């Protein structure tokens, strides 16, 4: 019936657009995650090294504001217009207990390794975006799948299908080719290659790989923490953010000591330049957008899995690469586009498609294993009498154990001394 088809499509669209649906959550995550690196590139544009914001300060401010959001959710303020003309702000009746659960230092210390990995992953990502454009960073970010695949096979003895191993090999080969082809494009078109003054630097690639390594390790620990504990999402997020703030504050104090050159030490030290040196409206917009991006990523892992988040990041990587070539800037100054090169674009698309193929094959393999377990369980239940698992009265008992069976008052065995006493 055509009418029934329209009704079904409308209901599916309503479920997708519902704020509580997984589809709506995935769409929000993809859009926010694709915008994050573009905004960092925009914030660094047309600035000398001594005029840019300090990376550690940016991560510290962003995590602090994100923690403030979690504490506001715990307090749960509401505007009451029932009494009088002036609105009154009411908070949750148990707001003190809810805040104490968010600031539980025992859980914060316990999750400090997770916070350490997440903090370093963010810090190295921002440092890589200072050297490379956003599209290149997101393309090289797909190297997380080969690293996760090899690490899972070696340390967790996880088995992959031949299709998945071919996808991992294709990603690795395409990444190496992408690096060399883009480097040659920059060398041939030195004057027009990068208006931002960037190059395909090997140090930047190492920073991306380091960020990926910490992110992969942190993602495994985060998923175990979020699904292994019964706490609310804002409480668990607050525990992780408190640990990130502590780790980042320590790094922010010790990082300038690693530079021998006094000029470089002054550039990376907030104690010389000031905590908010290099900040303007672009950096503030970037920090604000990173907050809902982090919350949607955590919610997606808690409600679904880290695999779904990784596959969704492939889609966001495509959008980031498109935005880097055709930027849409709502607030000035406009973001300068990256140069167009057909071989680079084709390699980027092949990397992203291989990553999506790996994720789809992994999800299909999990569904097959789940269906196989369900079929095995049904076969075991079907082998029982009448096909039911609860009909135990018809089971045969060996004659050697019949004396242990309950004896009724009219049973002839009672006269022969068979009793449970």
Protein backbone atom coordinates (compact mmCIF):
# COMPACT_ATOMS: atom_id res chain seq x y z
CA UNK A 1 0.00 0.00 0.00
CA UNK A 2 1.45 3.42 -0.91
CA UNK A 3 -0.12 5.02 2.15
CA UNK A 4 1.47 2.50 4.51
CA UNK A 5 4.86 3.12 2.89
CA UNK A 6 4.55 6.85 3.46
CA UNK A 7 3.55 6.34 7.08
CA UNK A 8 6.49 3.99 7.64
CA UNK A 9 8.94 6.50 6.09
CA UNK A 10 7.52 9.32 8.23
CA UNK A 11 7.87 7.25 11.39
CA UNK A 12 11.44 6.30 10.50
CA UNK A 13 12.28 9.94 9.82
CA UNK A 14 10.75 10.97 13.16
CA UNK A 15 12.80 8.34 14.98
CA UNK A 16 15.96 9.51 13.20
CA UNK A 17 15.33 13.16 14.06
CA UNK A 18 14.47 12.40 17.67
CA UNK A 19 17.15 13.81 20.03
CA UNK A 20 17.23 10.48 21.89
CA UNK A 21 17.83 8.35 18.78
CA UNK A 22 21.20 6.90 17.88
CA UNK A 23 20.91 8.25 14.32
CA UNK A 24 20.55 11.83 15.53
CA UNK A 25 23.52 11.31 17.86
CA UNK A 26 25.68 9.96 15.01
CA UNK A 27 24.77 12.88 12.73
CA UNK A 28 25.66 15.42 15.44
CA UNK A 29 28.94 13.64 16.15
CA UNK A 30 29.92 13.55 12.47
CA UNK A 31 29.22 17.26 11.93
CA UNK A 32 30.98 18.39 15.12
CA UNK A 33 33.94 16.06 14.66
CA UNK A 34 34.41 17.26 11.07
CA UNK A 35 34.40 20.91 12.20
CA UNK A 36 36.96 20.56 15.03
CA UNK A 37 40.22 20.44 12.99
CA UNK A 38 38.96 23.04 10.51
CA UNK A 39 38.44 25.53 13.33
CA UNK A 40 41.94 24.94 14.72
CA UNK A 41 43.39 25.59 11.25
CA UNK A 42 41.26 28.73 10.99
CA UNK A 43 42.44 29.92 14.42
CA UNK A 44 46.13 29.53 13.42
CA UNK A 45 45.71 31.15 10.01
CA UNK A 46 47.89 34.18 9.15
CA UNK A 47 49.59 34.18 12.55
CA UNK A 48 53.29 34.03 13.33
CA UNK A 49 54.45 31.34 15.80
CA UNK A 50 54.82 33.89 18.58
CA UNK A 51 51.27 35.16 17.94
CA UNK A 52 49.50 31.79 18.10
CA UNK A 53 47.74 30.44 21.15
CA UNK A 54 49.55 28.00 23.43
CA UNK A 55 48.35 24.47 22.73
CA UNK A 56 48.37 23.36 26.36
CA UNK A 57 46.36 26.41 27.38
CA UNK A 58 43.76 25.69 24.72
CA UNK A 59 43.30 22.08 25.89
CA UNK A 60 43.16 23.20 29.54
CA UNK A 61 40.49 25.84 28.88
CA UNK A 62 38.46 23.46 26.71
CA UNK A 63 38.45 20.67 29.31
CA UNK A 64 37.65 23.13 32.11
CA UNK A 65 34.63 24.49 30.24
CA UNK A 66 33.52 20.94 29.45
CA UNK A 67 33.77 20.06 33.16
CA UNK A 68 31.66 23.13 33.96
CA UNK A 69 28.97 21.77 31.63
CA UNK A 70 28.99 18.46 33.52
CA UNK A 71 28.65 20.21 36.87
CA UNK A 72 25.73 22.28 35.57
CA UNK A 73 24.02 19.08 34.44
CA UNK A 74 24.54 17.66 37.94
CA UNK A 75 23.03 20.74 39.62
CA UNK A 76 20.16 20.68 37.07
CA UNK A 77 19.04 24.33 37.25
CA UNK A 78 15.48 25.13 36.17
CA UNK A 79 13.70 28.43 35.66
CA UNK A 80 10.51 28.70 37.74
CA UNK A 81 7.91 31.20 36.54
CA UNK A 82 5.06 30.09 38.80
CA UNK A 83 5.72 32.51 41.66
CA UNK A 84 5.56 36.23 41.02
CA UNK A 85 6.61 38.14 37.95
CA UNK A 86 10.35 37.61 38.29
CA UNK A 87 11.72 34.18 37.30
CA UNK A 88 13.43 32.10 39.95
CA UNK A 89 16.16 29.55 39.38
CA UNK A 90 15.65 26.25 41.17
CA UNK A 91 18.20 23.47 41.44
CA UNK A 92 17.89 19.76 42.05
CA UNK A 93 16.92 18.74 45.58
CA UNK A 94 20.00 16.52 45.90
CA UNK A 95 22.39 18.81 44.06
CA UNK A 96 25.06 18.55 46.77
CA UNK A 97 25.14 14.75 46.60
CA UNK A 98 25.17 14.89 42.80
CA UNK A 99 28.11 17.29 42.84
CA UNK A 100 29.97 15.08 45.32
CA UNK A 101 29.57 12.11 43.01
CA UNK A 102 30.97 14.17 40.12
CA UNK A 103 33.95 15.27 42.22
CA UNK A 104 34.71 11.83 43.68
CA UNK A 105 38.51 11.85 43.83
CA UNK A 106 38.74 8.09 44.37
CA UNK A 107 37.21 7.48 40.93
CA UNK A 108 39.28 10.31 39.42
CA UNK A 109 42.54 8.79 40.64
CA UNK A 110 41.41 5.37 39.48
CA UNK A 111 40.78 6.66 35.96
CA UNK A 112 43.98 8.74 35.79
CA UNK A 113 45.63 6.47 33.14
CA UNK A 114 42.60 6.99 30.90
CA UNK A 115 42.72 10.75 31.43
CA UNK A 116 46.47 10.74 30.70
CA UNK A 117 45.92 9.05 27.31
CA UNK A 118 43.02 11.33 26.35
CA UNK A 119 44.89 14.49 27.36
CA UNK A 120 48.01 13.61 25.37
CA UNK A 121 45.89 12.60 22.39
CA UNK A 122 44.23 16.03 22.32
CA UNK A 123 47.51 17.85 22.87
CA UNK A 124 49.36 16.08 20.05
CA UNK A 125 46.38 16.55 17.74
CA UNK A 126 46.39 20.31 18.28
CA UNK A 127 50.18 20.38 17.81
CA UNK A 128 49.83 18.47 14.53
CA UNK A 129 47.17 20.91 13.32
CA UNK A 130 49.67 23.69 13.94
CA UNK A 131 52.01 22.13 11.35
CA UNK A 132 49.62 20.46 8.86
CA UNK A 133 46.28 21.36 7.34
CA UNK A 134 43.08 19.86 8.72
CA UNK A 135 42.37 17.61 5.72
CA UNK A 136 45.82 16.00 5.85
CA UNK A 137 45.52 15.42 9.59
CA UNK A 138 42.15 13.70 9.23
CA UNK A 139 43.34 11.51 6.37
CA UNK A 140 46.37 10.37 8.36
CA UNK A 141 44.02 9.84 11.29
CA UNK A 142 42.74 6.73 9.51
CA UNK A 143 46.05 5.08 10.43
CA UNK A 144 44.31 4.25 13.72
CA UNK A 145 42.58 1.27 12.09
CA UNK A 146 45.81 -0.58 11.09
CA UNK A 147 47.31 0.18 14.51
CA UNK A 148 44.21 -1.06 16.32
CA UNK A 149 43.99 -4.12 14.06
CA UNK A 150 47.61 -5.19 14.55
CA UNK A 151 47.51 -4.43 18.28
CA UNK A 152 44.29 -6.41 18.77
CA UNK A 153 45.69 -9.36 16.82
CA UNK A 154 48.97 -9.42 18.79
CA UNK A 155 47.84 -8.60 22.32
CA UNK A 156 44.16 -9.62 22.41
CA UNK A 157 44.40 -12.52 19.91
CA UNK A 158 41.53 -11.17 17.90
CA UNK A 159 40.89 -12.78 14.52
CA UNK A 160 40.08 -10.79 11.40
CA UNK A 161 38.68 -11.94 8.09
CA UNK A 162 40.82 -11.80 4.92
CA UNK A 163 38.64 -8.92 3.73
CA UNK A 164 39.51 -6.93 6.85
CA UNK A 165 43.24 -7.62 6.50
CA UNK A 166 43.08 -6.47 2.87
CA UNK A 167 41.38 -3.26 4.02
CA UNK A 168 44.10 -2.65 6.61
CA UNK A 169 46.81 -3.24 4.01
CA UNK A 170 45.09 -0.91 1.54
CA UNK A 171 44.88 1.82 4.17
CA UNK A 172 48.56 1.50 5.04
CA UNK A 173 49.76 1.54 1.41
CA UNK A 174 47.45 4.42 0.48
CA UNK A 175 48.67 6.48 3.45
CA UNK A 176 52.30 6.11 2.39
CA UNK A 177 51.38 7.04 -1.18
CA UNK A 178 49.32 9.99 0.06
CA UNK A 179 52.30 11.32 2.02
CA UNK A 180 54.70 11.15 -0.96
CA UNK A 181 52.24 12.46 -3.56
CA UNK A 182 51.21 15.42 -1.45
CA UNK A 183 54.85 16.23 -0.69
CA UNK A 184 55.60 16.28 -4.43
CA UNK A 185 52.59 18.52 -5.08
CA UNK A 186 53.87 21.00 -2.51
CA UNK A 187 57.34 20.94 -4.04
CA UNK A 188 56.07 21.54 -7.59
CA UNK A 189 53.63 24.26 -6.62
CA UNK A 190 55.63 25.97 -3.91
CA UNK A 191 54.16 29.38 -4.50
CA UNK A 192 50.51 28.29 -4.55
CA UNK A 193 50.62 25.00 -2.68
CA UNK A 194 49.80 26.17 0.82
CA UNK A 195 48.61 29.71 1.48
CA UNK A 196 48.94 28.95 5.18
CA UNK A 197 52.66 28.34 4.89
CA UNK A 198 52.37 24.62 5.77
CA UNK A 199 54.24 21.69 4.36
CA UNK A 200 53.74 17.95 4.60
CA UNK A 201 56.22 17.70 7.47
CA UNK A 202 57.37 14.37 8.84
CA UNK A 203 57.30 15.77 12.39
CA UNK A 204 53.64 16.62 11.95
CA UNK A 205 52.92 13.09 10.76
CA UNK A 206 54.72 11.69 13.82
CA UNK A 207 52.55 13.89 16.03
CA UNK A 208 49.43 12.52 14.33
CA UNK A 209 50.58 8.92 14.85
CA UNK A 210 51.40 9.66 18.50
CA UNK A 211 47.96 11.19 18.98
CA UNK A 212 46.39 8.14 17.35
CA UNK A 213 48.32 5.76 19.62
CA UNK A 214 47.17 7.50 22.80
CA UNK A 215 43.65 7.84 21.43
CA UNK A 216 43.37 4.13 20.61
CA UNK A 217 44.58 3.10 24.04
CA UNK A 218 42.38 5.67 25.75
CA UNK A 219 39.34 4.64 23.69
CA UNK A 220 39.62 1.01 24.82
CA UNK A 221 39.91 2.05 28.46
CA UNK A 222 37.10 4.62 28.15
CA UNK A 223 34.66 2.08 26.72
CA UNK A 224 35.46 -0.34 29.52
CA UNK A 225 34.99 2.43 32.11
CA UNK A 226 31.74 3.80 30.66
CA UNK A 227 30.05 0.42 30.27
CA UNK A 228 31.59 -1.30 33.28
CA UNK A 229 30.27 1.20 35.84
CA UNK A 230 26.70 2.10 36.67
CA UNK A 231 27.29 5.82 37.15
CA UNK A 232 25.51 8.46 35.12
CA UNK A 233 27.14 9.86 32.01
CA UNK A 234 27.81 13.33 33.40
CA UNK A 235 29.43 11.82 36.51
CA UNK A 236 31.75 9.59 34.50
CA UNK A 237 32.57 12.42 32.11
CA UNK A 238 33.40 14.68 35.07
CA UNK A 239 35.78 12.06 36.48
CA UNK A 240 37.64 11.85 33.17
CA UNK A 241 37.75 15.63 32.72
CA UNK A 242 39.12 16.22 36.22
CA UNK A 243 41.96 13.82 35.46
CA UNK A 244 42.61 15.54 32.12
CA UNK A 245 42.77 18.94 33.81
CA UNK A 246 45.29 17.68 36.38
CA UNK A 247 47.48 16.02 33.71
CA UNK A 248 47.34 18.99 31.36
CA UNK A 249 48.16 21.50 34.11
CA UNK A 250 51.26 19.46 35.00
CA UNK A 251 52.32 19.25 31.33
CA UNK A 252 51.71 22.98 30.89
CA UNK A 253 54.14 23.74 33.70
CA UNK A 254 56.85 21.27 32.64
CA UNK A 255 56.69 21.65 28.83
CA UNK A 256 58.65 24.95 28.60
CA UNK A 257 61.54 23.30 30.45
CA UNK A 258 62.09 20.93 27.51
CA UNK A 259 63.18 23.76 25.18
CA UNK A 260 66.81 24.87 25.40
CA UNK A 261 66.31 27.89 23.18
CA UNK A 262 65.02 30.80 25.35
CA UNK A 263 62.97 32.15 22.45
CA UNK A 264 61.16 28.83 21.91
CA UNK A 265 60.71 28.46 25.66
CA UNK A 266 59.05 31.88 25.80
CA UNK A 267 56.73 31.00 22.89
CA UNK A 268 55.46 27.82 24.57
CA UNK A 269 55.40 29.13 28.14
CA UNK A 270 52.19 30.73 29.50
CA UNK A 271 54.24 32.26 32.31
CA UNK A 272 56.13 34.46 29.80
CA UNK A 273 53.35 35.29 27.32
CA UNK A 274 50.30 35.02 29.57
CA UNK A 275 47.70 32.31 29.88
CA UNK A 276 45.46 33.70 27.14
CA UNK A 277 48.16 34.97 24.80
CA UNK A 278 47.12 34.70 21.16
CA UNK A 279 43.42 34.30 21.97
CA UNK A 280 40.78 36.02 19.87
CA UNK A 281 37.23 35.30 18.77
CA UNK A 282 38.42 32.46 16.51
CA UNK A 283 40.09 30.56 19.35
CA UNK A 284 37.06 31.08 21.59
CA UNK A 285 34.70 29.70 18.92
CA UNK A 286 37.03 26.73 18.44
CA UNK A 287 37.06 25.95 22.18
CA UNK A 288 33.27 26.22 22.42
CA UNK A 289 32.67 23.84 19.49
CA UNK A 290 35.08 21.27 20.93
CA UNK A 291 32.88 20.95 24.04
CA UNK A 292 29.74 19.39 22.45
CA UNK A 293 32.00 17.37 20.15
CA UNK A 294 33.59 15.69 23.18
CA UNK A 295 30.26 15.08 24.88
CA UNK A 296 28.68 13.52 21.79
CA UNK A 297 31.72 11.24 21.35
CA UNK A 298 31.46 10.04 24.97
CA UNK A 299 27.70 9.54 24.68
CA UNK A 300 28.13 7.56 21.46
CA UNK A 301 30.67 5.22 23.07
CA UNK A 302 28.51 4.70 26.16
CA UNK A 303 25.27 4.07 24.27
CA UNK A 304 26.74 2.09 21.36
CA UNK A 305 30.43 1.20 21.01
CA UNK A 306 33.84 2.58 20.14
CA UNK A 307 33.61 0.77 16.78
CA UNK A 308 30.59 2.84 15.74
CA UNK A 309 32.46 5.98 16.74
CA UNK A 310 35.48 4.94 14.64
CA UNK A 311 33.33 4.21 11.59
CA UNK A 312 31.50 7.53 12.04
CA UNK A 313 34.85 9.31 12.13
CA UNK A 314 35.50 8.03 8.59
CA UNK A 315 32.48 10.04 7.43
CA UNK A 316 33.58 13.08 9.40
CA UNK A 317 37.05 12.77 7.83
CA UNK A 318 35.49 12.99 4.37
CA UNK A 319 33.64 16.16 5.39
CA UNK A 320 36.81 17.66 6.89
CA UNK A 321 38.76 17.06 3.69
CA UNK A 322 35.94 18.60 1.64
CA UNK A 323 35.77 21.61 3.99
CA UNK A 324 39.53 22.13 3.69
CA UNK A 325 39.25 22.41 -0.10
CA UNK A 326 35.92 24.28 -0.19
CA UNK A 327 35.76 26.09 3.16
CA UNK A 328 32.58 27.79 4.35
CA UNK A 329 33.41 30.60 6.75
CA UNK A 330 30.55 32.28 8.62
CA UNK A 331 32.77 34.60 10.67
CA UNK A 332 35.77 36.45 9.24
CA UNK A 333 38.53 36.25 8.28
CA UNK A 334 37.73 33.62 5.63
CA UNK A 335 39.62 30.34 5.67
CA UNK A 336 41.94 29.93 2.70
CA UNK A 337 41.34 26.68 0.78
CA UNK A 338 43.94 24.00 0.23
CA UNK A 339 45.12 23.43 -3.38
CA UNK A 340 43.25 20.93 -5.53
CA UNK A 341 45.20 17.93 -6.81
CA UNK A 342 43.32 15.01 -8.43
CA UNK A 343 45.84 12.29 -7.34
CA UNK A 344 45.73 13.51 -3.73
CA UNK A 345 41.93 13.61 -3.75
CA UNK A 346 41.68 10.08 -5.20
CA UNK A 347 44.12 8.72 -2.61
CA UNK A 348 42.20 10.40 0.21
CA UNK A 349 38.92 8.91 -1.02
CA UNK A 350 40.49 5.43 -1.33
CA UNK A 351 41.80 5.64 2.25
CA UNK A 352 38.42 6.68 3.63
CA UNK A 353 36.54 4.01 1.65
CA UNK A 354 38.96 1.31 2.84
CA UNK A 355 38.42 2.46 6.42
CA UNK A 356 34.64 2.31 6.02
CA UNK A 357 34.95 -1.16 4.44
CA UNK A 358 36.94 -2.40 7.42
CA UNK A 359 34.39 -1.01 9.87
CA UNK A 360 31.48 -2.46 7.93
CA UNK A 361 33.14 -5.87 7.72
CA UNK A 362 33.86 -5.80 11.45
CA UNK A 363 30.24 -4.97 12.25
CA UNK A 364 28.99 -7.71 9.90
CA UNK A 365 31.38 -10.23 11.48
CA UNK A 366 30.04 -9.36 14.94
CA UNK A 367 26.46 -9.80 13.72
CA UNK A 368 27.34 -13.22 12.26
CA UNK A 369 28.90 -14.35 15.52
CA UNK A 370 25.89 -13.11 17.47
CA UNK A 371 23.49 -14.90 15.11
CA UNK A 372 25.57 -18.08 15.32
CA UNK A 373 25.45 -18.02 19.13
CA UNK A 374 21.70 -17.44 19.06
CA UNK A 375 21.18 -20.34 16.61
CA UNK A 376 23.31 -22.62 18.78
CA UNK A 377 21.26 -21.72 21.84
CA UNK A 378 18.02 -22.43 19.97
CA UNK A 379 19.36 -25.83 18.86
CA UNK A 380 20.27 -26.71 22.43
CA UNK A 381 16.83 -25.70 23.68
CA UNK A 382 15.18 -27.52 20.79
CA UNK A 383 16.99 -30.75 21.70
CA UNK A 384 15.22 -30.81 25.07
CA UNK A 385 11.89 -32.64 25.46
CA UNK A 386 9.01 -30.84 23.69
CA UNK A 387 11.58 -28.29 22.56
CA UNK A 388 11.44 -26.49 25.91
CA UNK A 389 14.15 -25.94 28.44
CA UNK A 390 11.87 -25.87 31.47
CA UNK A 391 10.16 -29.26 31.05
CA UNK A 392 12.43 -31.21 33.37
CA UNK A 393 9.81 -33.60 34.68
CA UNK A 394 10.24 -35.93 31.70
CA UNK A 395 13.98 -36.33 32.10
CA UNK A 396 15.09 -39.88 32.71
CA UNK A 397 16.90 -40.61 35.97
CA UNK A 398 19.39 -43.42 36.35
CA UNK A 399 18.23 -46.24 38.60
CA UNK A 400 21.17 -45.75 40.95
CA UNK A 401 19.85 -42.25 41.88
CA UNK A 402 16.16 -43.03 42.09
CA UNK A 403 16.29 -43.37 45.85
CA UNK A 404 17.09 -39.63 46.05
CA UNK A 405 13.84 -38.63 44.29
CA UNK A 406 10.97 -37.26 46.45
CA UNK A 407 8.60 -39.94 47.68
CA UNK A 408 4.89 -39.27 47.90
CA UNK A 409 2.68 -40.63 50.64
CA UNK A 410 1.03 -43.10 48.26
CA UNK A 411 4.23 -44.29 46.70
CA UNK A 412 4.96 -48.00 47.18
CA UNK A 413 8.64 -47.18 47.74
CA UNK A 414 7.76 -45.53 51.02
CA UNK A 415 6.95 -48.93 52.44
CA UNK A 416 10.41 -50.15 51.45
CA UNK A 417 12.27 -47.44 53.34
CA UNK A 418 13.00 -45.01 50.46
CA UNK A 419 12.69 -41.59 52.00
CA UNK A 420 14.63 -38.34 51.98
CA UNK A 421 15.14 -38.43 55.72
